[in-house]
Structures are given as C-alpha cells and as structure tokens.
Amino acid sequence: ELSALRAQMNPHFIFNCLNSLNLYILENHVDLASDYLQRFSRLIRLVLENSRLERIPLSNEVEALKLYMVIDYWLI
C-alpha cells in the first residue's frame, strides 16, 4: 500500500511543498501559507482515499489534478 502511495506522490514533490510552505510562513505570508496548506492537505487526503479504491471516480482524478497543478505552480 505504501509503494502504491509513493508511486502516486513523488516524495520529492512532498518535500518541495513543505519547503515552500515553510518559506511562506517565515516570510509572514499567512493567507498564502494557509491556502497552500489547505490545498496540499486536500491533495494528500485524495491520494490516500484513492489508494484504497479499486476504481477511482473521474471527479476525484480531476480534483487531484487541479490541486496538483495549483500547488506545483506555487512551488518556490
């Protein structure tokens, strides 16, 4: 199950997200940090939920892709 999760979310991406979040906090961009954290946590939750399903609804895939694209765009 863990290897399936790793295949879906690259650890490098996760560390980059956490580093970006840390920078937003250090630079006192509170609203940006909060929005970023909410999107990141929603993406993690979706990946975990989807890893348990045999068939993933298209709406889940689309939502995950949108979150990933926004988060990836914000990476510093």
PDB file of N, CA and C in Angstrom:
ATOM      1  N   GLU A   1       0.827  -1.191   0.000  1.00  0.00           N
ATOM      2  CA  GLU A   1       0.000   0.000   0.000  1.00  0.00           C
ATOM      3  C   GLU A   1       0.874   1.259   0.000  1.00  0.00           C
ATOM      4  N   LEU A   2       1.951   1.220   0.771  1.00  0.00           N
ATOM      5  CA  LEU A   2       2.854   2.367   0.813  1.00  0.00           C
ATOM      6  C   LEU A   2       3.537   2.580  -0.524  1.00  0.00           C
ATOM      7  N   SER A   3       3.919   1.514  -1.215  1.00  0.00           N
ATOM      8  CA  SER A   3       4.566   1.679  -2.519  1.00  0.00           C
ATOM      9  C   SER A   3       3.590   2.231  -3.546  1.00  0.00           C
ATOM     10  N   ALA A   4       2.312   1.879  -3.426  1.00  0.00           N
ATOM     11  CA  ALA A   4       1.303   2.459  -4.323  1.00  0.00           C
ATOM     12  C   ALA A   4       1.166   3.950  -4.071  1.00  0.00           C
ATOM     13  N   LEU A   5       1.224   4.345  -2.809  1.00  0.00           N
ATOM     14  CA  LEU A   5       1.153   5.760  -2.472  1.00  0.00           C
ATOM     15  C   LEU A   5       2.369   6.505  -3.006  1.00  0.00           C
ATOM     16  N   ARG A   6       3.538   5.918  -2.838  1.00  0.00           N
ATOM     17  CA  ARG A   6       4.765   6.545  -3.352  1.00  0.00           C
ATOM     18  C   ARG A   6       4.717   6.709  -4.861  1.00  0.00           C
ATOM     19  N   ALA A   7       4.123   5.750  -5.540  1.00  0.00           N
ATOM     20  CA  ALA A   7       4.023   5.833  -6.996  1.00  0.00           C
ATOM     21  C   ALA A   7       3.116   6.985  -7.406  1.00  0.00           C
ATOM     22  N   GLN A   8       2.145   7.299  -6.558  1.00  0.00           N
ATOM     23  CA  GLN A   8       1.220   8.370  -6.889  1.00  0.00           C
ATOM     24  C   GLN A   8       1.742   9.746  -6.485  1.00  0.00           C
ATOM     25  N   MET A   9       2.471   9.836  -5.412  1.00  0.00           N
ATOM     26  CA  MET A   9       3.001  11.113  -4.939  1.00  0.00           C
ATOM     27  C   MET A   9       4.498  11.006  -4.728  1.00  0.00           C
ATOM     28  N   ASN A  10       5.211  11.638  -5.571  1.00  0.00           N
ATOM     29  CA  ASN A  10       6.659  11.638  -5.505  1.00  0.00           C
ATOM     30  C   ASN A  10       7.122  12.295  -4.204  1.00  0.00           C
ATOM     31  N   PRO A  11       7.964  11.615  -3.420  1.00  0.00           N
ATOM     32  CA  PRO A  11       8.457  12.230  -2.173  1.00  0.00           C
ATOM     33  C   PRO A  11       9.156  13.565  -2.406  1.00  0.00           C
ATOM     34  N   HIS A  12       9.818  13.712  -3.537  1.00  0.00           N
ATOM     35  CA  HIS A  12      10.478  14.974  -3.866  1.00  0.00           C
ATOM     36  C   HIS A  12       9.445  16.102  -3.928  1.00  0.00           C
ATOM     37  N   PHE A  13       8.299  15.834  -4.530  1.00  0.00           N
ATOM     38  CA  PHE A  13       7.218  16.818  -4.608  1.00  0.00           C
ATOM     39  C   PHE A  13       6.731  17.191  -3.212  1.00  0.00           C
ATOM     40  N   ILE A  14       6.572  16.212  -2.337  1.00  0.00           N
ATOM     41  CA  ILE A  14       6.109  16.471  -0.975  1.00  0.00           C
ATOM     42  C   ILE A  14       7.103  17.356  -0.234  1.00  0.00           C
ATOM     43  N   PHE A  15       8.388  17.052  -0.324  1.00  0.00           N
ATOM     44  CA  PHE A  15       9.397  17.862   0.361  1.00  0.00           C
ATOM     45  C   PHE A  15       9.440  19.282  -0.200  1.00  0.00           C
ATOM     46  N   ASN A  16       9.290  19.421  -1.511  1.00  0.00           N
ATOM     47  CA  ASN A  16       9.246  20.763  -2.100  1.00  0.00           C
ATOM     48  C   ASN A  16       8.053  21.553  -1.587  1.00  0.00           C
ATOM     49  N   CYS A  17       6.910  20.891  -1.460  1.00  0.00           N
ATOM     50  CA  CYS A  17       5.710  21.545  -0.930  1.00  0.00           C
ATOM     51  C   CYS A  17       5.938  22.017   0.502  1.00  0.00           C
ATOM     52  N   LEU A  18       6.508  21.152   1.320  1.00  0.00           N
ATOM     53  CA  LEU A  18       6.756  21.522   2.710  1.00  0.00           C
ATOM     54  C   LEU A  18       7.759  22.667   2.811  1.00  0.00           C
ATOM     55  N   ASN A  19       8.771  22.668   1.972  1.00  0.00           N
ATOM     56  CA  ASN A  19       9.743  23.763   1.979  1.00  0.00           C
ATOM     57  C   ASN A  19       9.102  25.073   1.529  1.00  0.00           C
ATOM     58  N   SER A  20       8.237  25.004   0.531  1.00  0.00           N
ATOM     59  CA  SER A  20       7.530  26.208   0.090  1.00  0.00           C
ATOM     60  C   SER A  20       6.638  26.745   1.195  1.00  0.00           C
ATOM     61  N   LEU A  21       5.927  25.857   1.842  1.00  0.00           N
ATOM     62  CA  LEU A  21       5.058  26.254   2.949  1.00  0.00           C
ATOM     63  C   LEU A  21       5.878  26.911   4.057  1.00  0.00           C
ATOM     64  N   ASN A  22       7.007  26.339   4.384  1.00  0.00           N
ATOM     65  CA  ASN A  22       7.885  26.906   5.397  1.00  0.00           C
ATOM     66  C   ASN A  22       8.324  28.320   5.023  1.00  0.00           C
ATOM     67  N   LEU A  23       8.669  28.541   3.776  1.00  0.00           N
ATOM     68  CA  LEU A  23       9.087  29.870   3.335  1.00  0.00           C
ATOM     69  C   LEU A  23       7.950  30.876   3.449  1.00  0.00           C
ATOM     70  N   TYR A  24       6.736  30.468   3.054  1.00  0.00           N
ATOM     71  CA  TYR A  24       5.583  31.368   3.198  1.00  0.00           C
ATOM     72  C   TYR A  24       5.387  31.758   4.657  1.00  0.00           C
ATOM     73  N   ILE A  25       5.572  30.815   5.558  1.00  0.00           N
ATOM     74  CA  ILE A  25       5.422  31.096   6.986  1.00  0.00           C
ATOM     75  C   ILE A  25       6.526  32.038   7.463  1.00  0.00           C
ATOM     76  N   LEU A  26       7.767  31.745   7.101  1.00  0.00           N
ATOM     77  CA  LEU A  26       8.896  32.581   7.525  1.00  0.00           C
ATOM     78  C   LEU A  26       8.792  34.001   6.988  1.00  0.00           C
ATOM     79  N   GLU A  27       8.231  34.145   5.791  1.00  0.00           N
ATOM     80  CA  GLU A  27       8.080  35.479   5.192  1.00  0.00           C
ATOM     81  C   GLU A  27       6.768  36.143   5.610  1.00  0.00           C
ATOM     82  N   ASN A  28       6.052  35.502   6.539  1.00  0.00           N
ATOM     83  CA  ASN A  28       4.823  36.042   7.110  1.00  0.00           C
ATOM     84  C   ASN A  28       3.702  36.235   6.079  1.00  0.00           C
ATOM     85  N   HIS A  29       3.640  35.352   5.094  1.00  0.00           N
ATOM     86  CA  HIS A  29       2.539  35.338   4.127  1.00  0.00           C
ATOM     87  C   HIS A  29       1.474  34.371   4.657  1.00  0.00           C
ATOM     88  N   VAL A  30       0.777  34.813   5.702  1.00  0.00           N
ATOM     89  CA  VAL A  30      -0.127  33.947   6.444  1.00  0.00           C
ATOM     90  C   VAL A  30      -1.264  33.422   5.570  1.00  0.00           C
ATOM     91  N   ASP A  31      -1.913  34.296   4.814  1.00  0.00           N
ATOM     92  CA  ASP A  31      -3.036  33.862   3.974  1.00  0.00           C
ATOM     93  C   ASP A  31      -2.582  32.883   2.900  1.00  0.00           C
ATOM     94  N   LEU A  32      -1.451  33.173   2.292  1.00  0.00           N
ATOM     95  CA  LEU A  32      -0.916  32.299   1.251  1.00  0.00           C
ATOM     96  C   LEU A  32      -0.526  30.942   1.841  1.00  0.00           C
ATOM     97  N   ALA A  33       0.110  30.958   2.991  1.00  0.00           N
ATOM     98  CA  ALA A  33       0.509  29.709   3.651  1.00  0.00           C
ATOM     99  C   ALA A  33      -0.715  28.869   4.012  1.00  0.00           C
ATOM    100  N   SER A  34      -1.750  29.522   4.509  1.00  0.00           N
ATOM    101  CA  SER A  34      -2.968  28.811   4.884  1.00  0.00           C
ATOM    102  C   SER A  34      -3.648  28.184   3.669  1.00  0.00           C
ATOM    103  N   ASP A  35      -3.772  28.950   2.597  1.00  0.00           N
ATOM    104  CA  ASP A  35      -4.393  28.433   1.374  1.00  0.00           C
ATOM    105  C   ASP A  35      -3.583  27.278   0.801  1.00  0.00           C
ATOM    106  N   TYR A  36      -2.276  27.437   0.784  1.00  0.00           N
ATOM    107  CA  TYR A  36      -1.380  26.402   0.277  1.00  0.00           C
ATOM    108  C   TYR A  36      -1.512  25.124   1.094  1.00  0.00           C
ATOM    109  N   LEU A  37      -1.529  25.270   2.426  1.00  0.00           N
ATOM    110  CA  LEU A  37      -1.640  24.112   3.308  1.00  0.00           C
ATOM    111  C   LEU A  37      -2.976  23.402   3.125  1.00  0.00           C
ATOM    112  N   GLN A  38      -4.047  24.150   2.968  1.00  0.00           N
ATOM    113  CA  GLN A  38      -5.362  23.545   2.752  1.00  0.00           C
ATOM    114  C   GLN A  38      -5.389  22.742   1.451  1.00  0.00           C
ATOM    115  N   ARG A  39      -4.834  23.301   0.387  1.00  0.00           N
ATOM    116  CA  ARG A  39      -4.808  22.589  -0.893  1.00  0.00           C
ATOM    117  C   ARG A  39      -3.914  21.343  -0.818  1.00  0.00           C
ATOM    118  N   PHE A  40      -2.769  21.497  -0.183  1.00  0.00           N
ATOM    119  CA  PHE A  40      -1.844  20.372  -0.055  1.00  0.00           C
ATOM    120  C   PHE A  40      -2.477  19.250   0.765  1.00  0.00           C
ATOM    121  N   SER A  41      -3.131  19.589   1.870  1.00  0.00           N
ATOM    122  CA  SER A  41      -3.747  18.553   2.697  1.00  0.00           C
ATOM    123  C   SER A  41      -4.899  17.877   1.960  1.00  0.00           C
ATOM    124  N   ARG A  42      -5.639  18.644   1.163  1.00  0.00           N
ATOM    125  CA  ARG A  42      -6.722  18.040   0.366  1.00  0.00           C
ATOM    126  C   ARG A  42      -6.131  17.072  -0.667  1.00  0.00           C
ATOM    127  N   LEU A  43      -5.026  17.441  -1.283  1.00  0.00           N
ATOM    128  CA  LEU A  43      -4.386  16.561  -2.256  1.00  0.00           C
ATOM    129  C   LEU A  43      -3.899  15.275  -1.588  1.00  0.00           C
ATOM    130  N   ILE A  44      -3.269  15.391  -0.438  1.00  0.00           N
ATOM    131  CA  ILE A  44      -2.799  14.208   0.290  1.00  0.00           C
ATOM    132  C   ILE A  44      -3.981  13.305   0.647  1.00  0.00           C
ATOM    133  N   ARG A  45      -5.048  13.919   1.131  1.00  0.00           N
ATOM    134  CA  ARG A  45      -6.234  13.148   1.508  1.00  0.00           C
ATOM    135  C   ARG A  45      -6.806  12.404   0.297  1.00  0.00           C
ATOM    136  N   LEU A  46      -6.896  13.095  -0.831  1.00  0.00           N
ATOM    137  CA  LEU A  46      -7.413  12.454  -2.051  1.00  0.00           C
ATOM    138  C   LEU A  46      -6.544  11.273  -2.477  1.00  0.00           C
ATOM    139  N   VAL A  47      -5.248  11.451  -2.424  1.00  0.00           N
ATOM    140  CA  VAL A  47      -4.340  10.375  -2.814  1.00  0.00           C
ATOM    141  C   VAL A  47      -4.506   9.181  -1.886  1.00  0.00           C
ATOM    142  N   LEU A  48      -4.615   9.442  -0.596  1.00  0.00           N
ATOM    143  CA  LEU A  48      -4.810   8.346   0.365  1.00  0.00           C
ATOM    144  C   LEU A  48      -6.146   7.650   0.147  1.00  0.00           C
ATOM    145  N   GLU A  49      -7.207   8.425  -0.058  1.00  0.00           N
ATOM    146  CA  GLU A  49      -8.523   7.830  -0.312  1.00  0.00           C
ATOM    147  C   GLU A  49      -8.509   7.016  -1.606  1.00  0.00           C
ATOM    148  N   ASN A  50      -7.918   7.585  -2.642  1.00  0.00           N
ATOM    149  CA  ASN A  50      -7.887   6.902  -3.936  1.00  0.00           C
ATOM    150  C   ASN A  50      -7.050   5.630  -3.908  1.00  0.00           C
ATOM    151  N   SER A  51      -6.040   5.597  -3.053  1.00  0.00           N
ATOM    152  CA  SER A  51      -5.185   4.409  -2.997  1.00  0.00           C
ATOM    153  C   SER A  51      -5.934   3.201  -2.437  1.00  0.00           C
ATOM    154  N   ARG A  52      -7.033   3.451  -1.751  1.00  0.00           N
ATOM    155  CA  ARG A  52      -7.828   2.364  -1.179  1.00  0.00           C
ATOM    156  C   ARG A  52      -8.913   1.867  -2.129  1.00  0.00           C
ATOM    157  N   LEU A  53      -9.168   2.606  -3.187  1.00  0.00           N
ATOM    158  CA  LEU A  53     -10.253   2.257  -4.095  1.00  0.00           C
ATOM    159  C   LEU A  53      -9.755   1.398  -5.250  1.00  0.00           C
ATOM    160  N   GLU A  54     -10.590   0.496  -5.671  1.00  0.00           N
ATOM    161  CA  GLU A  54     -10.264  -0.306  -6.851  1.00  0.00           C
ATOM    162  C   GLU A  54     -10.464   0.525  -8.119  1.00  0.00           C
ATOM    163  N   ARG A  55     -11.529   1.325  -8.121  1.00  0.00           N
ATOM    164  CA  ARG A  55     -11.817   2.236  -9.232  1.00  0.00           C
ATOM    165  C   ARG A  55     -11.951   3.638  -8.680  1.00  0.00           C
ATOM    166  N   ILE A  56     -11.237   4.558  -9.290  1.00  0.00           N
ATOM    167  CA  ILE A  56     -11.233   5.939  -8.824  1.00  0.00           C
ATOM    168  C   ILE A  56     -12.196   6.752  -9.697  1.00  0.00           C
ATOM    169  N   PRO A  57     -13.138   7.449  -9.069  1.00  0.00           N
ATOM    170  CA  PRO A  57     -14.057   8.273  -9.841  1.00  0.00           C
ATOM    171  C   PRO A  57     -13.303   9.368 -10.608  1.00  0.00           C
ATOM    172  N   LEU A  58     -13.770   9.651 -11.791  1.00  0.00           N
ATOM    173  CA  LEU A  58     -13.136  10.671 -12.611  1.00  0.00           C
ATOM    174  C   LEU A  58     -13.117  12.017 -11.889  1.00  0.00           C
ATOM    175  N   SER A  59     -14.154  12.320 -11.136  1.00  0.00           N
ATOM    176  CA  SER A  59     -14.200  13.589 -10.397  1.00  0.00           C
ATOM    177  C   SER A  59     -13.049  13.691  -9.392  1.00  0.00           C
ATOM    178  N   ASN A  60     -12.683  12.570  -8.770  1.00  0.00           N
ATOM    179  CA  ASN A  60     -11.529  12.559  -7.854  1.00  0.00           C
ATOM    180  C   ASN A  60     -10.232  12.823  -8.599  1.00  0.00           C
ATOM    181  N   GLU A  61     -10.092  12.208  -9.752  1.00  0.00           N
ATOM    182  CA  GLU A  61      -8.880  12.407 -10.561  1.00  0.00           C
ATOM    183  C   GLU A  61      -8.750  13.852 -11.018  1.00  0.00           C
ATOM    184  N   VAL A  62      -9.855  14.429 -11.456  1.00  0.00           N
ATOM    185  CA  VAL A  62      -9.840  15.815 -11.930  1.00  0.00           C
ATOM    186  C   VAL A  62      -9.511  16.760 -10.783  1.00  0.00           C
ATOM    187  N   GLU A  63     -10.134  16.533  -9.627  1.00  0.00           N
ATOM    188  CA  GLU A  63      -9.850  17.381  -8.466  1.00  0.00           C
ATOM    189  C   GLU A  63      -8.384  17.273  -8.051  1.00  0.00           C
ATOM    190  N   ALA A  64      -7.849  16.065  -8.020  1.00  0.00           N
ATOM    191  CA  ALA A  64      -6.448  15.866  -7.655  1.00  0.00           C
ATOM    192  C   ALA A  64      -5.521  16.554  -8.655  1.00  0.00           C
ATOM    193  N   LEU A  65      -5.837  16.455  -9.918  1.00  0.00           N
ATOM    194  CA  LEU A  65      -5.017  17.094 -10.950  1.00  0.00           C
ATOM    195  C   LEU A  65      -5.040  18.611 -10.807  1.00  0.00           C
ATOM    196  N   LYS A  66      -6.207  19.176 -10.555  1.00  0.00           N
ATOM    197  CA  LYS A  66      -6.314  20.631 -10.362  1.00  0.00           C
ATOM    198  C   LYS A  66      -5.496  21.078  -9.154  1.00  0.00           C
ATOM    199  N   LEU A  67      -5.615  20.340  -8.056  1.00  0.00           N
ATOM    200  CA  LEU A  67      -4.851  20.680  -6.859  1.00  0.00           C
ATOM    201  C   LEU A  67      -3.355  20.581  -7.126  1.00  0.00           C
ATOM    202  N   TYR A  68      -2.951  19.521  -7.780  1.00  0.00           N
ATOM    203  CA  TYR A  68      -1.528  19.330  -8.089  1.00  0.00           C
ATOM    204  C   TYR A  68      -0.997  20.480  -8.948  1.00  0.00           C
ATOM    205  N   MET A  69      -1.775  20.873  -9.953  1.00  0.00           N
ATOM    206  CA  MET A  69      -1.332  21.943 -10.860  1.00  0.00           C
ATOM    207  C   MET A  69      -1.196  23.270 -10.122  1.00  0.00           C
ATOM    208  N   VAL A  70      -2.147  23.580  -9.246  1.00  0.00           N
ATOM    209  CA  VAL A  70      -2.068  24.834  -8.492  1.00  0.00           C
ATOM    210  C   VAL A  70      -0.883  24.801  -7.534  1.00  0.00           C
ATOM    211  N   ILE A  71      -0.731  23.697  -6.827  1.00  0.00           N
ATOM    212  CA  ILE A  71       0.366  23.568  -5.875  1.00  0.00           C
ATOM    213  C   ILE A  71       1.709  23.618  -6.594  1.00  0.00           C
ATOM    214  N   ASP A  72       1.833  22.918  -7.695  1.00  0.00           N
ATOM    215  CA  ASP A  72       3.070  22.889  -8.454  1.00  0.00           C
ATOM    216  C   ASP A  72       3.429  24.282  -8.973  1.00  0.00           C
ATOM    217  N   TYR A  73       2.429  25.050  -9.356  1.00  0.00           N
ATOM    218  CA  TYR A  73       2.647  26.409  -9.842  1.00  0.00           C
ATOM    219  C   TYR A  73       3.197  27.302  -8.726  1.00  0.00           C
ATOM    220  N   TRP A  74       2.736  27.060  -7.471  1.00  0.00           N
ATOM    221  CA  TRP A  74       3.145  27.873  -6.337  1.00  0.00           C
ATOM    222  C   TRP A  74       4.485  27.459  -5.757  1.00  0.00           C
ATOM    223  N   LEU A  75       5.034  26.322  -6.178  1.00  0.00           N
ATOM    224  CA  LEU A  75       6.305  25.873  -5.607  1.00  0.00           C
ATOM    225  C   LEU A  75       7.378  26.923  -5.838  1.00  0.00           C
ATOM    226  N   ILE A  76       8.162  27.144  -4.825  1.00  0.00           N
ATOM    227  CA  ILE A  76       9.224  28.153  -4.895  1.00  0.00           C
ATOM    228  C   ILE A  76      10.518  27.504  -5.278  1.00  0.00           C
TER     229      ILE A  76
END
